[in-house]
Amino acid sequence: MPSRTAMNRAKADKRAGKSPGTQAGEFVREEIDHVREGKHGARSARQAIAIGLSKARRSGVDLPPPEKGKVSQETRRKAAHDLEKGHHMAPRQRVTAKRKSASTKALKREGHRAASPAALSAHSRSAARKRSPAQRSAAAKKAARTRRMHAH
């Protein structure tokens, strides 16, 4: 269950008209913090991010599943299912205790280096390398534009 803080931050982002990706970022940040605090581990930075995105979708963030060809069919199906759950789930409907404890136990066996600054840096660099120069340039230009818009 995501913390109330993450939920409120995501809601504030939505009210501010920010993208679903930015709203989901609050859940990802929380997940990285959990790994750093030692609540549980993660096999990689990518896994920690995936857990955060899944929680975001289940909490009602309108984040669409990744496009076809980007990830496996199974991952897309899981993302679509999470999104569906987020739209139609009763607010307090919980996963069974047995399933919850099994997943937590599995994550506790993993290490905590996945959330280290070095691991996150390596992940963001490798993610950037997969994008074309045009995409990277467009992202930089958009960042510069929004920086100007939000300058105080």
C-alpha atoms as a PDB file:
ATOM      1  CA  MET A   1       0.000   0.000   0.000  1.00  0.00           C
ATOM      2  CA  PRO A   2       1.540   3.336  -1.001  1.00  0.00           C
ATOM      3  CA  SER A   3       1.988   5.927   1.732  1.00  0.00           C
ATOM      4  CA  ARG A   4      -0.472   8.771   2.099  1.00  0.00           C
ATOM      5  CA  THR A   5       2.388  11.206   1.374  1.00  0.00           C
ATOM      6  CA  ALA A   6       3.055   9.665  -2.046  1.00  0.00           C
ATOM      7  CA  MET A   7      -0.668   9.661  -2.840  1.00  0.00           C
ATOM      8  CA  ASN A   8      -1.038  13.327  -1.849  1.00  0.00           C
ATOM      9  CA  ARG A   9       2.037  14.383  -3.828  1.00  0.00           C
ATOM     10  CA  ALA A  10       0.742  12.558  -6.904  1.00  0.00           C
ATOM     11  CA  LYS A  11      -2.669  14.217  -6.498  1.00  0.00           C
ATOM     12  CA  ALA A  12      -0.991  17.623  -6.183  1.00  0.00           C
ATOM     13  CA  ASP A  13       0.950  16.888  -9.392  1.00  0.00           C
ATOM     14  CA  LYS A  14      -2.311  15.998 -11.134  1.00  0.00           C
ATOM     15  CA  ARG A  15      -3.963  19.211  -9.956  1.00  0.00           C
ATOM     16  CA  ALA A  16      -0.945  21.143 -11.233  1.00  0.00           C
ATOM     17  CA  GLY A  17      -1.576  19.588 -14.651  1.00  0.00           C
ATOM     18  CA  LYS A  18       1.591  17.501 -14.659  1.00  0.00           C
ATOM     19  CA  SER A  19       1.936  14.378 -16.775  1.00  0.00           C
ATOM     20  CA  PRO A  20       1.003  10.877 -15.525  1.00  0.00           C
ATOM     21  CA  GLY A  21       4.719  10.021 -15.657  1.00  0.00           C
ATOM     22  CA  THR A  22       5.489  12.823 -13.207  1.00  0.00           C
ATOM     23  CA  GLN A  23       2.629  11.719 -10.948  1.00  0.00           C
ATOM     24  CA  ALA A  24       3.965   8.145 -11.016  1.00  0.00           C
ATOM     25  CA  GLY A  25       7.417   9.470 -10.130  1.00  0.00           C
ATOM     26  CA  GLU A  26       6.220  10.045  -6.571  1.00  0.00           C
ATOM     27  CA  PHE A  27       5.515   6.326  -6.163  1.00  0.00           C
ATOM     28  CA  VAL A  28       8.869   5.420  -7.722  1.00  0.00           C
ATOM     29  CA  ARG A  29      10.634   7.796  -5.305  1.00  0.00           C
ATOM     30  CA  GLU A  30       8.850   6.100  -2.401  1.00  0.00           C
ATOM     31  CA  GLU A  31       9.919   2.662  -3.635  1.00  0.00           C
ATOM     32  CA  ILE A  32      13.572   3.752  -3.950  1.00  0.00           C
ATOM     33  CA  ASP A  33      13.342   5.080  -0.379  1.00  0.00           C
ATOM     34  CA  HIS A  34      11.951   1.748   0.830  1.00  0.00           C
ATOM     35  CA  VAL A  35      14.925  -0.101  -0.645  1.00  0.00           C
ATOM     36  CA  ARG A  36      17.337   2.439   0.879  1.00  0.00           C
ATOM     37  CA  GLU A  37      15.669   2.237   4.298  1.00  0.00           C
ATOM     38  CA  GLY A  38      15.951  -1.550   4.227  1.00  0.00           C
ATOM     39  CA  LYS A  39      12.203  -2.266   4.167  1.00  0.00           C
ATOM     40  CA  HIS A  40      12.984  -4.656   1.324  1.00  0.00           C
ATOM     41  CA  GLY A  41      15.489  -5.015  -1.494  1.00  0.00           C
ATOM     42  CA  ALA A  42      15.374  -5.109  -5.268  1.00  0.00           C
ATOM     43  CA  ARG A  43      17.317  -7.038  -7.871  1.00  0.00           C
ATOM     44  CA  SER A  44      17.972  -3.911  -9.917  1.00  0.00           C
ATOM     45  CA  ALA A  45      17.066  -0.237 -10.187  1.00  0.00           C
ATOM     46  CA  ARG A  46      14.723  -1.266 -12.979  1.00  0.00           C
ATOM     47  CA  GLN A  47      12.807  -3.607 -10.654  1.00  0.00           C
ATOM     48  CA  ALA A  48      12.433  -0.901  -7.992  1.00  0.00           C
ATOM     49  CA  ILE A  49      11.099   1.490 -10.660  1.00  0.00           C
ATOM     50  CA  ALA A  50       8.700  -1.165 -12.000  1.00  0.00           C
ATOM     51  CA  ILE A  51       7.260  -1.754  -8.513  1.00  0.00           C
ATOM     52  CA  GLY A  52       6.691   1.997  -8.130  1.00  0.00           C
ATOM     53  CA  LEU A  53       4.965   2.263 -11.523  1.00  0.00           C
ATOM     54  CA  SER A  54       2.735  -0.705 -10.705  1.00  0.00           C
ATOM     55  CA  LYS A  55       1.705   0.929  -7.395  1.00  0.00           C
ATOM     56  CA  ALA A  56       1.032   4.200  -9.214  1.00  0.00           C
ATOM     57  CA  ARG A  57      -1.263   2.541 -11.766  1.00  0.00           C
ATOM     58  CA  ARG A  58      -3.101   0.661  -9.018  1.00  0.00           C
ATOM     59  CA  SER A  59      -3.558   3.920  -7.111  1.00  0.00           C
ATOM     60  CA  GLY A  60      -5.373   5.541 -10.011  1.00  0.00           C
ATOM     61  CA  VAL A  61      -2.572   7.326 -11.899  1.00  0.00           C
ATOM     62  CA  ASP A  62      -3.583   7.319 -15.571  1.00  0.00           C
ATOM     63  CA  LEU A  63      -0.246   5.971 -16.822  1.00  0.00           C
ATOM     64  CA  PRO A  64      -0.735   3.959 -20.031  1.00  0.00           C
ATOM     65  CA  PRO A  65       1.049   0.614 -20.526  1.00  0.00           C
ATOM     66  CA  PRO A  66       4.312   0.739 -22.499  1.00  0.00           C
ATOM     67  CA  GLU A  67       4.000   0.551 -26.298  1.00  0.00           C
ATOM     68  CA  LYS A  68       4.098  -2.724 -28.178  1.00  0.00           C
ATOM     69  CA  GLY A  69       7.628  -3.856 -28.886  1.00  0.00           C
ATOM     70  CA  LYS A  70       9.181  -1.871 -26.012  1.00  0.00           C
ATOM     71  CA  VAL A  71       8.629  -4.565 -23.379  1.00  0.00           C
ATOM     72  CA  SER A  72       7.395  -8.150 -23.207  1.00  0.00           C
ATOM     73  CA  GLN A  73       3.737  -8.976 -23.800  1.00  0.00           C
ATOM     74  CA  GLU A  74       3.520 -10.140 -20.168  1.00  0.00           C
ATOM     75  CA  THR A  75       4.725  -6.768 -18.847  1.00  0.00           C
ATOM     76  CA  ARG A  76       2.217  -4.884 -21.020  1.00  0.00           C
ATOM     77  CA  ARG A  77      -0.584  -7.157 -19.831  1.00  0.00           C
ATOM     78  CA  LYS A  78       0.414  -6.613 -16.182  1.00  0.00           C
ATOM     79  CA  ALA A  79       0.509  -2.826 -16.693  1.00  0.00           C
ATOM     80  CA  ALA A  80      -2.920  -2.885 -18.370  1.00  0.00           C
ATOM     81  CA  HIS A  81      -4.271  -4.993 -15.495  1.00  0.00           C
ATOM     82  CA  ASP A  82      -2.829  -2.592 -12.908  1.00  0.00           C
ATOM     83  CA  LEU A  83      -4.397   0.346 -14.733  1.00  0.00           C
ATOM     84  CA  GLU A  84      -7.757  -1.440 -14.790  1.00  0.00           C
ATOM     85  CA  LYS A  85      -7.465  -2.160 -11.064  1.00  0.00           C
ATOM     86  CA  GLY A  86      -6.686   1.489 -10.416  1.00  0.00           C
ATOM     87  CA  HIS A  87      -9.857   2.567 -12.203  1.00  0.00           C
ATOM     88  CA  HIS A  88     -12.261   0.006 -10.779  1.00  0.00           C
ATOM     89  CA  MET A  89     -10.856  -1.321  -7.515  1.00  0.00           C
ATOM     90  CA  ALA A  90     -12.680  -0.850  -4.246  1.00  0.00           C
ATOM     91  CA  PRO A  91     -10.402   1.491  -2.263  1.00  0.00           C
ATOM     92  CA  ARG A  92      -9.524  -0.936   0.519  1.00  0.00           C
ATOM     93  CA  GLN A  93      -9.493  -4.205  -1.418  1.00  0.00           C
ATOM     94  CA  ARG A  94      -6.306  -5.881  -0.265  1.00  0.00           C
ATOM     95  CA  VAL A  95      -4.177  -8.641  -1.703  1.00  0.00           C
ATOM     96  CA  THR A  96      -4.348 -11.872   0.344  1.00  0.00           C
ATOM     97  CA  ALA A  97      -1.998 -12.112   3.329  1.00  0.00           C
ATOM     98  CA  LYS A  98      -0.320 -15.222   1.935  1.00  0.00           C
ATOM     99  CA  ARG A  99       0.486 -13.530  -1.370  1.00  0.00           C
ATOM    100  CA  LYS A 100       1.628 -10.315   0.317  1.00  0.00           C
ATOM    101  CA  SER A 101       3.989 -12.129   2.683  1.00  0.00           C
ATOM    102  CA  ALA A 102       5.394 -14.247  -0.160  1.00  0.00           C
ATOM    103  CA  SER A 103       6.227 -11.215  -2.307  1.00  0.00           C
ATOM    104  CA  THR A 104       7.679  -9.290   0.653  1.00  0.00           C
ATOM    105  CA  LYS A 105       9.782 -12.299   1.643  1.00  0.00           C
ATOM    106  CA  ALA A 106      11.129 -12.598  -1.904  1.00  0.00           C
ATOM    107  CA  LEU A 107      12.009  -8.894  -1.998  1.00  0.00           C
ATOM    108  CA  LYS A 108      13.677  -9.086   1.422  1.00  0.00           C
ATOM    109  CA  ARG A 109      16.107 -11.640   0.010  1.00  0.00           C
ATOM    110  CA  GLU A 110      17.327  -9.093  -2.556  1.00  0.00           C
ATOM    111  CA  GLY A 111      20.117  -6.582  -1.978  1.00  0.00           C
ATOM    112  CA  HIS A 112      19.897  -2.856  -1.356  1.00  0.00           C
ATOM    113  CA  ARG A 113      22.452  -1.672  -3.886  1.00  0.00           C
ATOM    114  CA  ALA A 114      19.736  -1.328  -6.522  1.00  0.00           C
ATOM    115  CA  ALA A 115      18.781   2.035  -4.984  1.00  0.00           C
ATOM    116  CA  SER A 116      22.340   3.351  -4.685  1.00  0.00           C
ATOM    117  CA  PRO A 117      23.159   6.593  -6.498  1.00  0.00           C
ATOM    118  CA  ALA A 118      25.569   4.661  -8.736  1.00  0.00           C
ATOM    119  CA  ALA A 119      22.896   2.102  -9.726  1.00  0.00           C
ATOM    120  CA  LEU A 120      20.293   4.788 -10.453  1.00  0.00           C
ATOM    121  CA  SER A 121      22.830   6.804 -12.429  1.00  0.00           C
ATOM    122  CA  ALA A 122      23.794   3.740 -14.493  1.00  0.00           C
ATOM    123  CA  HIS A 123      20.115   3.011 -15.131  1.00  0.00           C
ATOM    124  CA  SER A 124      19.310   6.539 -16.288  1.00  0.00           C
ATOM    125  CA  ARG A 125      22.365   6.596 -18.561  1.00  0.00           C
ATOM    126  CA  SER A 126      21.451   3.276 -20.159  1.00  0.00           C
ATOM    127  CA  ALA A 127      17.814   4.403 -20.548  1.00  0.00           C
ATOM    128  CA  ALA A 128      18.992   7.613 -22.238  1.00  0.00           C
ATOM    129  CA  ARG A 129      21.252   5.667 -24.610  1.00  0.00           C
ATOM    130  CA  LYS A 130      18.237   3.734 -25.888  1.00  0.00           C
ATOM    131  CA  ARG A 131      16.605   6.990 -27.029  1.00  0.00           C
ATOM    132  CA  SER A 132      17.486   8.660 -30.310  1.00  0.00           C
ATOM    133  CA  PRO A 133      19.407  11.960 -30.330  1.00  0.00           C
ATOM    134  CA  ALA A 134      16.223  13.666 -31.603  1.00  0.00           C
ATOM    135  CA  GLN A 135      14.209  12.330 -28.654  1.00  0.00           C
ATOM    136  CA  ARG A 136      16.892  13.411 -26.176  1.00  0.00           C
ATOM    137  CA  SER A 137      17.045  16.851 -27.745  1.00  0.00           C
ATOM    138  CA  ALA A 138      13.249  17.224 -27.623  1.00  0.00           C
ATOM    139  CA  ALA A 139      13.249  16.229 -23.925  1.00  0.00           C
ATOM    140  CA  ALA A 140      15.956  18.801 -23.149  1.00  0.00           C
ATOM    141  CA  LYS A 141      14.070  21.534 -25.003  1.00  0.00           C
ATOM    142  CA  LYS A 142      10.859  20.690 -23.167  1.00  0.00           C
ATOM    143  CA  ALA A 143      12.703  20.765 -19.834  1.00  0.00           C
ATOM    144  CA  ALA A 144      14.110  24.208 -20.665  1.00  0.00           C
ATOM    145  CA  ARG A 145      10.625  25.432 -21.632  1.00  0.00           C
ATOM    146  CA  THR A 146       8.988  24.198 -18.430  1.00  0.00           C
ATOM    147  CA  ARG A 147      11.872  25.601 -16.379  1.00  0.00           C
ATOM    148  CA  ARG A 148      11.104  29.039 -17.798  1.00  0.00           C
ATOM    149  CA  MET A 149       7.386  28.593 -17.151  1.00  0.00           C
ATOM    150  CA  HIS A 150       7.911  27.625 -13.498  1.00  0.00           C
ATOM    151  CA  ALA A 151      10.675  30.126 -12.696  1.00  0.00           C
ATOM    152  CA  HIS A 152       9.687  32.178  -9.684  1.00  0.00           C
END
